[in-house]
C-alpha atoms as a PDB file:
ATOM      1  CA  MET A   1      95.346 -38.959 -86.491  1.00  0.00           C
ATOM      2  CA  LYS A   2      98.692 -38.876 -84.676  1.00  0.00           C
ATOM      3  CA  LYS A   3     101.753 -37.590 -86.465  1.00  0.00           C
ATOM      4  CA  LYS A   4     104.615 -40.065 -86.773  1.00  0.00           C
ATOM      5  CA  VAL A   5     108.223 -39.027 -86.224  1.00  0.00           C
ATOM      6  CA  ALA A   6     111.506 -40.875 -86.598  1.00  0.00           C
ATOM      7  CA  VAL A   7     114.110 -39.677 -84.105  1.00  0.00           C
ATOM      8  CA  ALA A   8     117.861 -40.214 -84.545  1.00  0.00           C
ATOM      9  CA  LEU A   9     119.883 -39.997 -81.329  1.00  0.00           C
ATOM     10  CA  GLY A  10     123.547 -39.050 -81.613  1.00  0.00           C
ATOM     11  CA  HIS A  11     126.583 -39.759 -79.458  1.00  0.00           C
ATOM     12  CA  ARG A  12     125.723 -37.044 -76.938  1.00  0.00           C
ATOM     13  CA  ALA A  13     122.427 -38.769 -76.157  1.00  0.00           C
ATOM     14  CA  LEU A  14     124.188 -41.979 -75.092  1.00  0.00           C
ATOM     15  CA  GLY A  15     127.638 -41.128 -73.753  1.00  0.00           C
ATOM     16  CA  THR A  16     130.668 -43.351 -74.268  1.00  0.00           C
ATOM     17  CA  THR A  17     131.107 -45.717 -71.348  1.00  0.00           C
ATOM     18  CA  LEU A  18     128.399 -47.817 -69.701  1.00  0.00           C
ATOM     19  CA  PRO A  19     128.101 -45.510 -66.631  1.00  0.00           C
ATOM     20  CA  GLU A  20     127.988 -42.461 -68.933  1.00  0.00           C
ATOM     21  CA  GLN A  21     125.299 -44.104 -71.025  1.00  0.00           C
ATOM     22  CA  GLN A  22     123.080 -44.835 -68.033  1.00  0.00           C
ATOM     23  CA  ILE A  23     123.318 -41.195 -66.950  1.00  0.00           C
ATOM     24  CA  ALA A  24     122.912 -39.761 -70.461  1.00  0.00           C
ATOM     25  CA  VAL A  25     119.802 -41.749 -71.383  1.00  0.00           C
ATOM     26  CA  ARG A  26     117.931 -40.495 -68.313  1.00  0.00           C
ATOM     27  CA  LYS A  27     118.267 -36.976 -69.694  1.00  0.00           C
ATOM     28  CA  THR A  28     117.668 -37.995 -73.307  1.00  0.00           C
ATOM     29  CA  VAL A  29     114.419 -39.832 -72.656  1.00  0.00           C
ATOM     30  CA  LYS A  30     112.774 -36.677 -71.353  1.00  0.00           C
ATOM     31  CA  SER A  31     112.718 -35.384 -74.939  1.00  0.00           C
ATOM     32  CA  ILE A  32     111.266 -38.687 -76.140  1.00  0.00           C
ATOM     33  CA  ALA A  33     108.627 -38.606 -73.413  1.00  0.00           C
ATOM     34  CA  ASP A  34     107.770 -35.017 -74.404  1.00  0.00           C
ATOM     35  CA  LEU A  35     107.024 -36.244 -77.929  1.00  0.00           C
ATOM     36  CA  VAL A  36     104.785 -39.039 -76.650  1.00  0.00           C
ATOM     37  CA  GLN A  37     103.044 -36.662 -74.261  1.00  0.00           C
ATOM     38  CA  ASP A  38     102.489 -34.190 -77.111  1.00  0.00           C
ATOM     39  CA  GLY A  39     100.714 -36.885 -79.126  1.00  0.00           C
ATOM     40  CA  TYR A  40     103.346 -38.165 -81.553  1.00  0.00           C
ATOM     41  CA  GLN A  41     103.977 -41.756 -82.593  1.00  0.00           C
ATOM     42  CA  VAL A  42     107.692 -42.219 -82.033  1.00  0.00           C
ATOM     43  CA  VAL A  43     110.262 -44.507 -83.648  1.00  0.00           C
ATOM     44  CA  ILE A  44     113.854 -44.138 -82.461  1.00  0.00           C
ATOM     45  CA  THR A  45     117.239 -45.045 -83.850  1.00  0.00           C
ATOM     46  CA  HIS A  46     120.611 -44.282 -82.304  1.00  0.00           C
ATOM     47  CA  SER A  47     124.358 -44.101 -82.863  1.00  0.00           C
ATOM     48  CA  ASN A  48     126.708 -46.790 -81.533  1.00  0.00           C
ATOM     49  CA  ALA A  49     130.306 -45.912 -82.479  1.00  0.00           C
ATOM     50  CA  PRO A  50     131.864 -45.880 -78.968  1.00  0.00           C
ATOM     51  CA  GLN A  51     129.828 -48.909 -77.921  1.00  0.00           C
ATOM     52  CA  LEU A  52     130.783 -50.823 -81.054  1.00  0.00           C
ATOM     53  CA  GLY A  53     134.468 -50.026 -80.585  1.00  0.00           C
ATOM     54  CA  MET A  54     134.352 -51.147 -76.961  1.00  0.00           C
ATOM     55  CA  ILE A  55     132.623 -54.459 -77.702  1.00  0.00           C
ATOM     56  CA  HIS A  56     134.786 -55.199 -80.745  1.00  0.00           C
ATOM     57  CA  THR A  57     137.951 -54.583 -78.716  1.00  0.00           C
ATOM     58  CA  ALA A  58     136.746 -56.694 -75.793  1.00  0.00           C
ATOM     59  CA  MET A  59     135.767 -59.626 -78.005  1.00  0.00           C
ATOM     60  CA  ASN A  60     139.048 -59.516 -79.912  1.00  0.00           C
ATOM     61  CA  GLU A  61     141.094 -59.393 -76.712  1.00  0.00           C
ATOM     62  CA  PHE A  62     139.106 -62.327 -75.349  1.00  0.00           C
ATOM     63  CA  GLY A  63     139.803 -64.274 -78.541  1.00  0.00           C
ATOM     64  CA  LYS A  64     143.537 -63.540 -78.303  1.00  0.00           C
ATOM     65  CA  ASN A  65     143.705 -64.832 -74.726  1.00  0.00           C
ATOM     66  CA  HIS A  66     141.496 -67.891 -75.271  1.00  0.00           C
ATOM     67  CA  PRO A  67     142.650 -69.938 -78.286  1.00  0.00           C
ATOM     68  CA  ASP A  68     139.373 -71.895 -78.413  1.00  0.00           C
ATOM     69  CA  TYR A  69     137.440 -68.691 -79.199  1.00  0.00           C
ATOM     70  CA  THR A  70     137.551 -66.614 -82.380  1.00  0.00           C
ATOM     71  CA  PRO A  71     137.214 -62.807 -82.576  1.00  0.00           C
ATOM     72  CA  ALA A  72     133.621 -61.637 -83.034  1.00  0.00           C
ATOM     73  CA  PRO A  73     132.698 -60.341 -86.509  1.00  0.00           C
ATOM     74  CA  MET A  74     131.745 -56.678 -86.824  1.00  0.00           C
ATOM     75  CA  SER A  75     128.111 -57.590 -87.539  1.00  0.00           C
ATOM     76  CA  VAL A  76     127.880 -59.613 -84.315  1.00  0.00           C
ATOM     77  CA  CYS A  77     129.354 -56.715 -82.315  1.00  0.00           C
ATOM     78  CA  SER A  78     126.798 -54.393 -83.919  1.00  0.00           C
ATOM     79  CA  ALA A  79     123.987 -56.709 -82.819  1.00  0.00           C
ATOM     80  CA  MET A  80     125.355 -56.630 -79.268  1.00  0.00           C
ATOM     81  CA  THR A  81     125.281 -52.819 -79.223  1.00  0.00           C
ATOM     82  CA  GLN A  82     121.622 -52.810 -80.302  1.00  0.00           C
ATOM     83  CA  GLY A  83     120.798 -55.066 -77.376  1.00  0.00           C
ATOM     84  CA  TYR A  84     122.568 -53.228 -74.621  1.00  0.00           C
ATOM     85  CA  VAL A  85     121.804 -49.682 -75.793  1.00  0.00           C
ATOM     86  CA  GLY A  86     118.186 -50.677 -76.417  1.00  0.00           C
ATOM     87  CA  PHE A  87     117.991 -52.203 -72.939  1.00  0.00           C
ATOM     88  CA  ASP A  88     118.962 -48.921 -71.271  1.00  0.00           C
ATOM     89  CA  LEU A  89     116.850 -46.771 -73.597  1.00  0.00           C
ATOM     90  CA  GLN A  90     113.628 -48.743 -73.413  1.00  0.00           C
ATOM     91  CA  ASN A  91     113.734 -49.047 -69.634  1.00  0.00           C
ATOM     92  CA  ALA A  92     114.498 -45.350 -69.180  1.00  0.00           C
ATOM     93  CA  ILE A  93     111.695 -44.343 -71.595  1.00  0.00           C
ATOM     94  CA  ARG A  94     109.224 -46.670 -69.871  1.00  0.00           C
ATOM     95  CA  GLU A  95     110.129 -45.265 -66.449  1.00  0.00           C
ATOM     96  CA  GLU A  96     109.864 -41.640 -67.613  1.00  0.00           C
ATOM     97  CA  LEU A  97     106.460 -42.251 -69.226  1.00  0.00           C
ATOM     98  CA  LEU A  98     105.075 -44.047 -66.170  1.00  0.00           C
ATOM     99  CA  THR A  99     106.311 -41.183 -63.989  1.00  0.00           C
ATOM    100  CA  ARG A 100     104.168 -38.886 -66.141  1.00  0.00           C
ATOM    101  CA  GLY A 101     101.165 -41.209 -65.862  1.00  0.00           C
ATOM    102  CA  ILE A 102     101.511 -42.477 -69.447  1.00  0.00           C
ATOM    103  CA  TYR A 103     101.476 -46.185 -70.253  1.00  0.00           C
ATOM    104  CA  ARG A 104     103.138 -47.256 -73.500  1.00  0.00           C
ATOM    105  CA  THR A 105     104.877 -50.449 -74.419  1.00  0.00           C
ATOM    106  CA  VAL A 106     108.473 -49.727 -75.439  1.00  0.00           C
ATOM    107  CA  SER A 107     110.173 -52.300 -77.665  1.00  0.00           C
ATOM    108  CA  THR A 108     113.654 -52.736 -79.107  1.00  0.00           C
ATOM    109  CA  ILE A 109     113.823 -54.518 -82.469  1.00  0.00           C
ATOM    110  CA  LEU A 110     117.054 -56.255 -83.421  1.00  0.00           C
ATOM    111  CA  THR A 111     117.331 -54.783 -86.913  1.00  0.00           C
ATOM    112  CA  GLN A 112     119.327 -55.867 -89.939  1.00  0.00           C
ATOM    113  CA  VAL A 113     119.929 -53.556 -92.880  1.00  0.00           C
ATOM    114  CA  THR A 114     121.100 -54.854 -96.244  1.00  0.00           C
ATOM    115  CA  VAL A 115     123.968 -53.181 -98.069  1.00  0.00           C
ATOM    116  CA  ASP A 116     125.173 -53.465-101.658  1.00  0.00           C
ATOM    117  CA  PRO A 117     128.288 -55.689-101.904  1.00  0.00           C
ATOM    118  CA  TYR A 118     129.463 -53.465-104.767  1.00  0.00           C
ATOM    119  CA  ASP A 119     129.048 -50.216-102.812  1.00  0.00           C
ATOM    120  CA  GLU A 120     132.097 -48.024-103.441  1.00  0.00           C
ATOM    121  CA  ALA A 121     132.535 -47.647 -99.689  1.00  0.00           C
ATOM    122  CA  PHE A 122     133.904 -51.198 -99.503  1.00  0.00           C
ATOM    123  CA  TYR A 123     136.891 -50.055-101.555  1.00  0.00           C
ATOM    124  CA  THR A 124     137.570 -46.943 -99.459  1.00  0.00           C
ATOM    125  CA  PRO A 125     137.014 -47.667 -95.723  1.00  0.00           C
ATOM    126  CA  THR A 126     136.652 -44.490 -93.661  1.00  0.00           C
ATOM    127  CA  LYS A 127     135.161 -45.323 -90.256  1.00  0.00           C
ATOM    128  CA  VAL A 128     137.815 -45.531 -87.534  1.00  0.00           C
ATOM    129  CA  LEU A 129     136.912 -47.537 -84.423  1.00  0.00           C
ATOM    130  CA  GLY A 130     138.251 -49.655 -81.595  1.00  0.00           C
ATOM    131  CA  ARG A 131     141.433 -49.586 -79.555  1.00  0.00           C
ATOM    132  CA  TYR A 132     144.873 -48.279 -80.483  1.00  0.00           C
ATOM    133  CA  MET A 133     147.192 -51.058 -81.642  1.00  0.00           C
ATOM    134  CA  SER A 134     150.936 -51.529 -81.883  1.00  0.00           C
ATOM    135  CA  ALA A 135     152.629 -51.808 -85.270  1.00  0.00           C
ATOM    136  CA  GLU A 136     152.845 -55.574 -84.743  1.00  0.00           C
ATOM    137  CA  ASP A 137     149.112 -55.909 -84.061  1.00  0.00           C
ATOM    138  CA  ALA A 138     148.356 -53.647 -87.016  1.00  0.00           C
ATOM    139  CA  ALA A 139     150.429 -55.879 -89.303  1.00  0.00           C
ATOM    140  CA  ALA A 140     148.460 -58.893 -88.059  1.00  0.00           C
ATOM    141  CA  GLU A 141     145.194 -57.108 -88.857  1.00  0.00           C
ATOM    142  CA  ARG A 142     146.401 -56.343 -92.382  1.00  0.00           C
ATOM    143  CA  LYS A 143     147.269 -60.011 -92.895  1.00  0.00           C
ATOM    144  CA  LYS A 144     143.636 -60.825 -92.115  1.00  0.00           C
ATOM    145  CA  GLY A 145     142.605 -58.471 -94.928  1.00  0.00           C
ATOM    146  CA  ASN A 146     141.484 -55.677 -92.597  1.00  0.00           C
ATOM    147  CA  TYR A 147     142.252 -51.996 -93.093  1.00  0.00           C
ATOM    148  CA  VAL A 148     144.321 -50.105 -90.527  1.00  0.00           C
ATOM    149  CA  VAL A 149     145.256 -46.443 -90.244  1.00  0.00           C
ATOM    150  CA  GLU A 150     148.019 -44.849 -88.176  1.00  0.00           C
ATOM    151  CA  GLU A 151     147.363 -41.877 -85.925  1.00  0.00           C
ATOM    152  CA  PRO A 152     150.768 -40.255 -85.329  1.00  0.00           C
ATOM    153  CA  GLY A 153     151.922 -40.508 -81.744  1.00  0.00           C
ATOM    154  CA  LYS A 154     149.016 -42.721 -80.723  1.00  0.00           C
ATOM    155  CA  GLY A 155     149.237 -45.944 -82.680  1.00  0.00           C
ATOM    156  CA  PHE A 156     147.137 -47.800 -85.237  1.00  0.00           C
ATOM    157  CA  ARG A 157     143.366 -48.294 -85.401  1.00  0.00           C
ATOM    158  CA  ARG A 158     141.022 -50.447 -87.432  1.00  0.00           C
ATOM    159  CA  VAL A 159     139.148 -48.766 -90.306  1.00  0.00           C
ATOM    160  CA  VAL A 160     135.939 -50.210 -91.733  1.00  0.00           C
ATOM    161  CA  SER A 161     133.659 -49.412 -94.634  1.00  0.00           C
ATOM    162  CA  ALA A 162     130.470 -47.364 -94.319  1.00  0.00           C
ATOM    163  CA  PRO A 163     128.153 -48.457 -97.178  1.00  0.00           C
ATOM    164  CA  ASN A 164     124.742 -46.910 -97.788  1.00  0.00           C
ATOM    165  CA  PRO A 165     121.663 -48.647 -96.385  1.00  0.00           C
ATOM    166  CA  VAL A 166     119.589 -50.471 -99.008  1.00  0.00           C
ATOM    167  CA  LYS A 167     116.709 -52.237 -97.210  1.00  0.00           C
ATOM    168  CA  ILE A 168     115.530 -52.534 -93.592  1.00  0.00           C
ATOM    169  CA  VAL A 169     114.885 -56.246 -93.141  1.00  0.00           C
ATOM    170  CA  GLU A 170     112.578 -56.055 -90.113  1.00  0.00           C
ATOM    171  CA  LEU A 171     110.574 -53.094 -91.454  1.00  0.00           C
ATOM    172  CA  ASP A 172     107.198 -54.874 -91.273  1.00  0.00           C
ATOM    173  CA  ALA A 173     107.662 -55.638 -87.569  1.00  0.00           C
ATOM    174  CA  ILE A 174     108.704 -52.047 -86.857  1.00  0.00           C
ATOM    175  CA  ARG A 175     105.697 -50.695 -88.765  1.00  0.00           C
ATOM    176  CA  THR A 176     103.257 -53.032 -86.988  1.00  0.00           C
ATOM    177  CA  LEU A 177     104.447 -52.006 -83.528  1.00  0.00           C
ATOM    178  CA  SER A 178     104.514 -48.316 -84.449  1.00  0.00           C
ATOM    179  CA  ASP A 179     100.992 -48.456 -85.890  1.00  0.00           C
ATOM    180  CA  ALA A 180      99.916 -50.017 -82.583  1.00  0.00           C
ATOM    181  CA  ASP A 181     101.167 -46.807 -80.892  1.00  0.00           C
ATOM    182  CA  GLN A 182     104.142 -48.462 -79.243  1.00  0.00           C
ATOM    183  CA  VAL A 183     107.431 -46.612 -78.835  1.00  0.00           C
ATOM    184  CA  VAL A 184     109.892 -48.514 -81.026  1.00  0.00           C
ATOM    185  CA  ILE A 185     113.691 -48.519 -80.911  1.00  0.00           C
ATOM    186  CA  ALA A 186     115.103 -49.912 -84.161  1.00  0.00           C
ATOM    187  CA  CYS A 187     118.018 -49.771 -86.586  1.00  0.00           C
ATOM    188  CA  GLY A 188     120.461 -49.046 -83.767  1.00  0.00           C
ATOM    189  CA  GLY A 189     123.859 -47.961 -85.038  1.00  0.00           C
ATOM    190  CA  GLY A 190     122.431 -47.726 -88.540  1.00  0.00           C
ATOM    191  CA  GLY A 191     121.384 -51.368 -88.391  1.00  0.00           C
ATOM    192  CA  ILE A 192     123.349 -54.613 -88.441  1.00  0.00           C
ATOM    193  CA  PRO A 193     124.968 -54.554 -91.915  1.00  0.00           C
ATOM    194  CA  VAL A 194     124.145 -57.684 -93.894  1.00  0.00           C
ATOM    195  CA  LEU A 195     124.597 -58.936 -97.446  1.00  0.00           C
ATOM    196  CA  GLU A 196     121.624 -60.665 -99.047  1.00  0.00           C
ATOM    197  CA  GLN A 197     122.570 -63.952-100.736  1.00  0.00           C
ATOM    198  CA  ASP A 198     119.417 -65.658-102.044  1.00  0.00           C
ATOM    199  CA  HIS A 199     117.457 -66.355 -98.828  1.00  0.00           C
ATOM    200  CA  ARG A 200     120.491 -65.984 -96.590  1.00  0.00           C
ATOM    201  CA  LEU A 201     121.633 -62.866 -94.782  1.00  0.00           C
ATOM    202  CA  LYS A 202     125.372 -62.744 -94.128  1.00  0.00           C
ATOM    203  CA  GLY A 203     126.958 -60.211 -91.795  1.00  0.00           C
ATOM    204  CA  ALA A 204     129.139 -57.595 -93.494  1.00  0.00           C
ATOM    205  CA  SER A 205     132.379 -56.234 -92.056  1.00  0.00           C
ATOM    206  CA  ALA A 206     131.134 -52.657 -92.080  1.00  0.00           C
ATOM    207  CA  VAL A 207     129.106 -50.035 -90.250  1.00  0.00           C
ATOM    208  CA  ILE A 208     126.211 -47.997 -91.620  1.00  0.00           C
ATOM    209  CA  GLU A 209     125.795 -44.266 -91.043  1.00  0.00           C
ATOM    210  CA  LYS A 210     122.908 -44.077 -88.597  1.00  0.00           C
ATOM    211  CA  ASP A 211     121.523 -40.803 -89.977  1.00  0.00           C
ATOM    212  CA  LEU A 212     121.126 -42.315 -93.450  1.00  0.00           C
ATOM    213  CA  THR A 213     119.308 -45.315 -92.009  1.00  0.00           C
ATOM    214  CA  ALA A 214     117.147 -42.994 -89.906  1.00  0.00           C
ATOM    215  CA  GLY A 215     116.135 -41.172 -93.078  1.00  0.00           C
ATOM    216  CA  LYS A 216     115.316 -44.446 -94.835  1.00  0.00           C
ATOM    217  CA  LEU A 217     113.337 -45.625 -91.794  1.00  0.00           C
ATOM    218  CA  ALA A 218     111.356 -42.377 -91.742  1.00  0.00           C
ATOM    219  CA  GLU A 219     110.727 -42.693 -95.477  1.00  0.00           C
ATOM    220  CA  GLU A 220     109.565 -46.336 -95.326  1.00  0.00           C
ATOM    221  CA  LEU A 221     107.252 -45.622 -92.389  1.00  0.00           C
ATOM    222  CA  ASN A 222     105.856 -42.591 -94.229  1.00  0.00           C
ATOM    223  CA  ALA A 223     106.679 -40.464 -91.198  1.00  0.00           C
ATOM    224  CA  ASP A 224     105.629 -36.837 -91.050  1.00  0.00           C
ATOM    225  CA  ALA A 225     109.022 -35.698 -89.796  1.00  0.00           C
ATOM    226  CA  LEU A 226     112.611 -36.789 -89.358  1.00  0.00           C
ATOM    227  CA  ILE A 227     114.213 -35.479 -86.168  1.00  0.00           C
ATOM    228  CA  ILE A 228     118.004 -35.655 -85.875  1.00  0.00           C
ATOM    229  CA  LEU A 229     119.204 -34.743 -82.392  1.00  0.00           C
ATOM    230  CA  THR A 230     122.772 -33.512 -82.153  1.00  0.00           C
ATOM    231  CA  SER A 231     124.926 -31.249 -79.980  1.00  0.00           C
ATOM    232  CA  VAL A 232     123.888 -27.867 -81.409  1.00  0.00           C
ATOM    233  CA  GLU A 233     120.607 -25.956 -81.403  1.00  0.00           C
ATOM    234  CA  LYS A 234     121.153 -24.840 -85.003  1.00  0.00           C
ATOM    235  CA  VAL A 235     123.609 -25.862 -87.703  1.00  0.00           C
ATOM    236  CA  PHE A 236     126.321 -23.370 -88.660  1.00  0.00           C
ATOM    237  CA  ILE A 237     127.811 -22.598 -92.053  1.00  0.00           C
ATOM    238  CA  ASN A 238     131.124 -20.772 -92.530  1.00  0.00           C
ATOM    239  CA  ARG A 239     131.996 -21.753 -88.965  1.00  0.00           C
ATOM    240  CA  GLY A 240     134.864 -19.764 -87.464  1.00  0.00           C
ATOM    241  CA  THR A 241     134.844 -17.057 -90.137  1.00  0.00           C
ATOM    242  CA  ASP A 242     133.408 -13.547 -90.344  1.00  0.00           C
ATOM    243  CA  LYS A 243     130.639 -15.048 -92.505  1.00  0.00           C
ATOM    244  CA  GLU A 244     129.520 -17.503 -89.819  1.00  0.00           C
ATOM    245  CA  LYS A 245     125.785 -18.034 -89.888  1.00  0.00           C
ATOM    246  CA  GLN A 246     123.223 -20.201 -88.123  1.00  0.00           C
ATOM    247  CA  LEU A 247     120.677 -21.944 -90.305  1.00  0.00           C
ATOM    248  CA  GLY A 248     117.039 -21.626 -89.276  1.00  0.00           C
ATOM    249  CA  GLU A 249     114.311 -22.672 -91.705  1.00  0.00           C
ATOM    250  CA  ILE A 250     115.685 -23.554 -95.131  1.00  0.00           C
ATOM    251  CA  SER A 251     114.430 -25.222 -98.302  1.00  0.00           C
ATOM    252  CA  VAL A 252     115.664 -28.470 -99.817  1.00  0.00           C
ATOM    253  CA  SER A 253     117.307 -26.517-102.639  1.00  0.00           C
ATOM    254  CA  GLN A 254     119.199 -24.392-100.116  1.00  0.00           C
ATOM    255  CA  ALA A 255     120.277 -27.518 -98.229  1.00  0.00           C
ATOM    256  CA  LYS A 256     121.595 -29.021-101.478  1.00  0.00           C
ATOM    257  CA  GLN A 257     123.486 -25.847-102.270  1.00  0.00           C
ATOM    258  CA  TYR A 258     125.168 -25.819 -98.844  1.00  0.00           C
ATOM    259  CA  MET A 259     126.119 -29.486 -99.249  1.00  0.00           C
ATOM    260  CA  GLU A 260     127.640 -28.833-102.679  1.00  0.00           C
ATOM    261  CA  GLU A 261     129.602 -25.915-101.241  1.00  0.00           C
ATOM    262  CA  GLY A 262     131.140 -28.273 -98.690  1.00  0.00           C
ATOM    263  CA  HIS A 263     129.874 -26.629 -95.516  1.00  0.00           C
ATOM    264  CA  PHE A 264     129.082 -29.751 -93.513  1.00  0.00           C
ATOM    265  CA  GLY A 265     132.065 -32.090 -93.741  1.00  0.00           C
ATOM    266  CA  VAL A 266     131.925 -35.785 -94.553  1.00  0.00           C
ATOM    267  CA  TYR A 267     131.685 -37.189 -91.020  1.00  0.00           C
ATOM    268  CA  ASN A 268     129.730 -34.529 -89.175  1.00  0.00           C
ATOM    269  CA  MET A 269     126.653 -32.790 -90.535  1.00  0.00           C
ATOM    270  CA  LEU A 270     126.738 -34.015 -94.127  1.00  0.00           C
ATOM    271  CA  PRO A 271     124.989 -37.371 -93.500  1.00  0.00           C
ATOM    272  CA  LYS A 272     122.284 -35.553 -91.546  1.00  0.00           C
ATOM    273  CA  PHE A 273     121.555 -33.278 -94.500  1.00  0.00           C
ATOM    274  CA  ARG A 274     121.756 -36.115 -97.017  1.00  0.00           C
ATOM    275  CA  ALA A 275     119.230 -38.093 -94.984  1.00  0.00           C
ATOM    276  CA  SER A 276     116.953 -35.083 -94.526  1.00  0.00           C
ATOM    277  CA  VAL A 277     116.916 -34.093 -98.195  1.00  0.00           C
ATOM    278  CA  SER A 278     116.281 -37.644 -99.403  1.00  0.00           C
ATOM    279  CA  PHE A 279     113.437 -38.115 -96.907  1.00  0.00           C
ATOM    280  CA  ILE A 280     111.710 -34.834 -97.803  1.00  0.00           C
ATOM    281  CA  GLU A 281     111.998 -35.317-101.563  1.00  0.00           C
ATOM    282  CA  LYS A 282     110.224 -38.688-101.463  1.00  0.00           C
ATOM    283  CA  GLY A 283     106.968 -37.512 -99.893  1.00  0.00           C
ATOM    284  CA  GLU A 284     104.603 -34.559 -99.655  1.00  0.00           C
ATOM    285  CA  GLY A 285     104.531 -32.225 -96.664  1.00  0.00           C
ATOM    286  CA  ARG A 286     107.512 -33.747 -94.869  1.00  0.00           C
ATOM    287  CA  LEU A 287     109.851 -31.845 -92.541  1.00  0.00           C
ATOM    288  CA  ALA A 288     113.297 -32.513 -91.101  1.00  0.00           C
ATOM    289  CA  TYR A 289     114.619 -31.009 -87.887  1.00  0.00           C
ATOM    290  CA  ILE A 290     118.273 -30.868 -86.850  1.00  0.00           C
ATOM    291  CA  THR A 291     118.667 -29.567 -83.318  1.00  0.00           C
ATOM    292  CA  CYS A 292     119.608 -30.477 -79.746  1.00  0.00           C
ATOM    293  CA  GLN A 293     117.299 -32.292 -77.369  1.00  0.00           C
ATOM    294  CA  GLU A 294     116.901 -29.272 -75.083  1.00  0.00           C
ATOM    295  CA  ALA A 295     115.486 -27.210 -77.970  1.00  0.00           C
ATOM    296  CA  LEU A 296     113.334 -29.912 -79.564  1.00  0.00           C
ATOM    297  CA  ARG A 297     109.932 -28.773 -78.337  1.00  0.00           C
ATOM    298  CA  ASP A 298     110.591 -25.210 -79.493  1.00  0.00           C
ATOM    299  CA  ALA A 299     111.954 -26.473 -82.804  1.00  0.00           C
ATOM    300  CA  LEU A 300     108.747 -28.410 -83.462  1.00  0.00           C
ATOM    301  CA  LYS A 301     106.875 -25.130 -82.956  1.00  0.00           C
ATOM    302  CA  GLY A 302     109.136 -23.397 -85.481  1.00  0.00           C
ATOM    303  CA  ARG A 303     110.879 -21.239 -82.881  1.00  0.00           C
ATOM    304  CA  THR A 304     114.426 -22.596 -83.231  1.00  0.00           C
ATOM    305  CA  GLY A 305     116.520 -25.388 -84.714  1.00  0.00           C
ATOM    306  CA  THR A 306     117.507 -25.975 -88.317  1.00  0.00           C
ATOM    307  CA  ILE A 307     114.325 -26.933 -90.171  1.00  0.00           C
ATOM    308  CA  ILE A 308     114.304 -28.228 -93.733  1.00  0.00           C
ATOM    309  CA  ARG A 309     111.066 -28.230 -95.717  1.00  0.00           C
END
């Protein structure tokens, strides 16, 4: 029976601009194709911060210049990123597999993820995105009830909440396609954040940390492993000090200790470790890998990478 893995692609795997993305995915998909070729069932999720900021800015500028149009809500912009990132990823994966003589259907699922309306994150927005604004534009954003933060010397930027994922709405569709041995791209950008109101799903003005959703996706699919691809081969602790150390294979208890000691930062490695620990603790025999795409094959053989078990 094939092993199932959930793979989270970070910013480096996609680039920032559209041309960068098209170049980056051609390199990234080689790692995905390696997994398929090595006999894994693969489900993929990805980051979307630069793409979301670009689309949100473009839609808002369009709304400002065309009075008949309104700015696009954050949830709508998130859905757009899933479509256009998924488009590039699925075509590049398909091409790479066919080049290797492998036929697999590759599908992108527009995925919604529910969040708790009472999540503390809604009271303390932290995710900065979009263009730099003038003080006048920032004041207008505040009047709308949006949060804005100033970056000295650069201007003001929008700040949104990052609540925890609660439920993956399209999970059954993702599971069905994965069980049919298709390569599935889902929960892009952490999923489209929605609030569940009876039978209605309403878009939330927020973003979801993609690593946490990747961990939940891996958990719900009962995957054998969670793979989080980032920019480093191994994670460091005590970075920049005489106690600097690379983490190889570690236990869940060690991972928790390092998190409590504050080694990973809130916006960098911490979500990756939170996702990994939660995934491993909710099933037997599970593994999590944090490494770069170039080292992935060796990491899966236990030769490198940060491995949590």
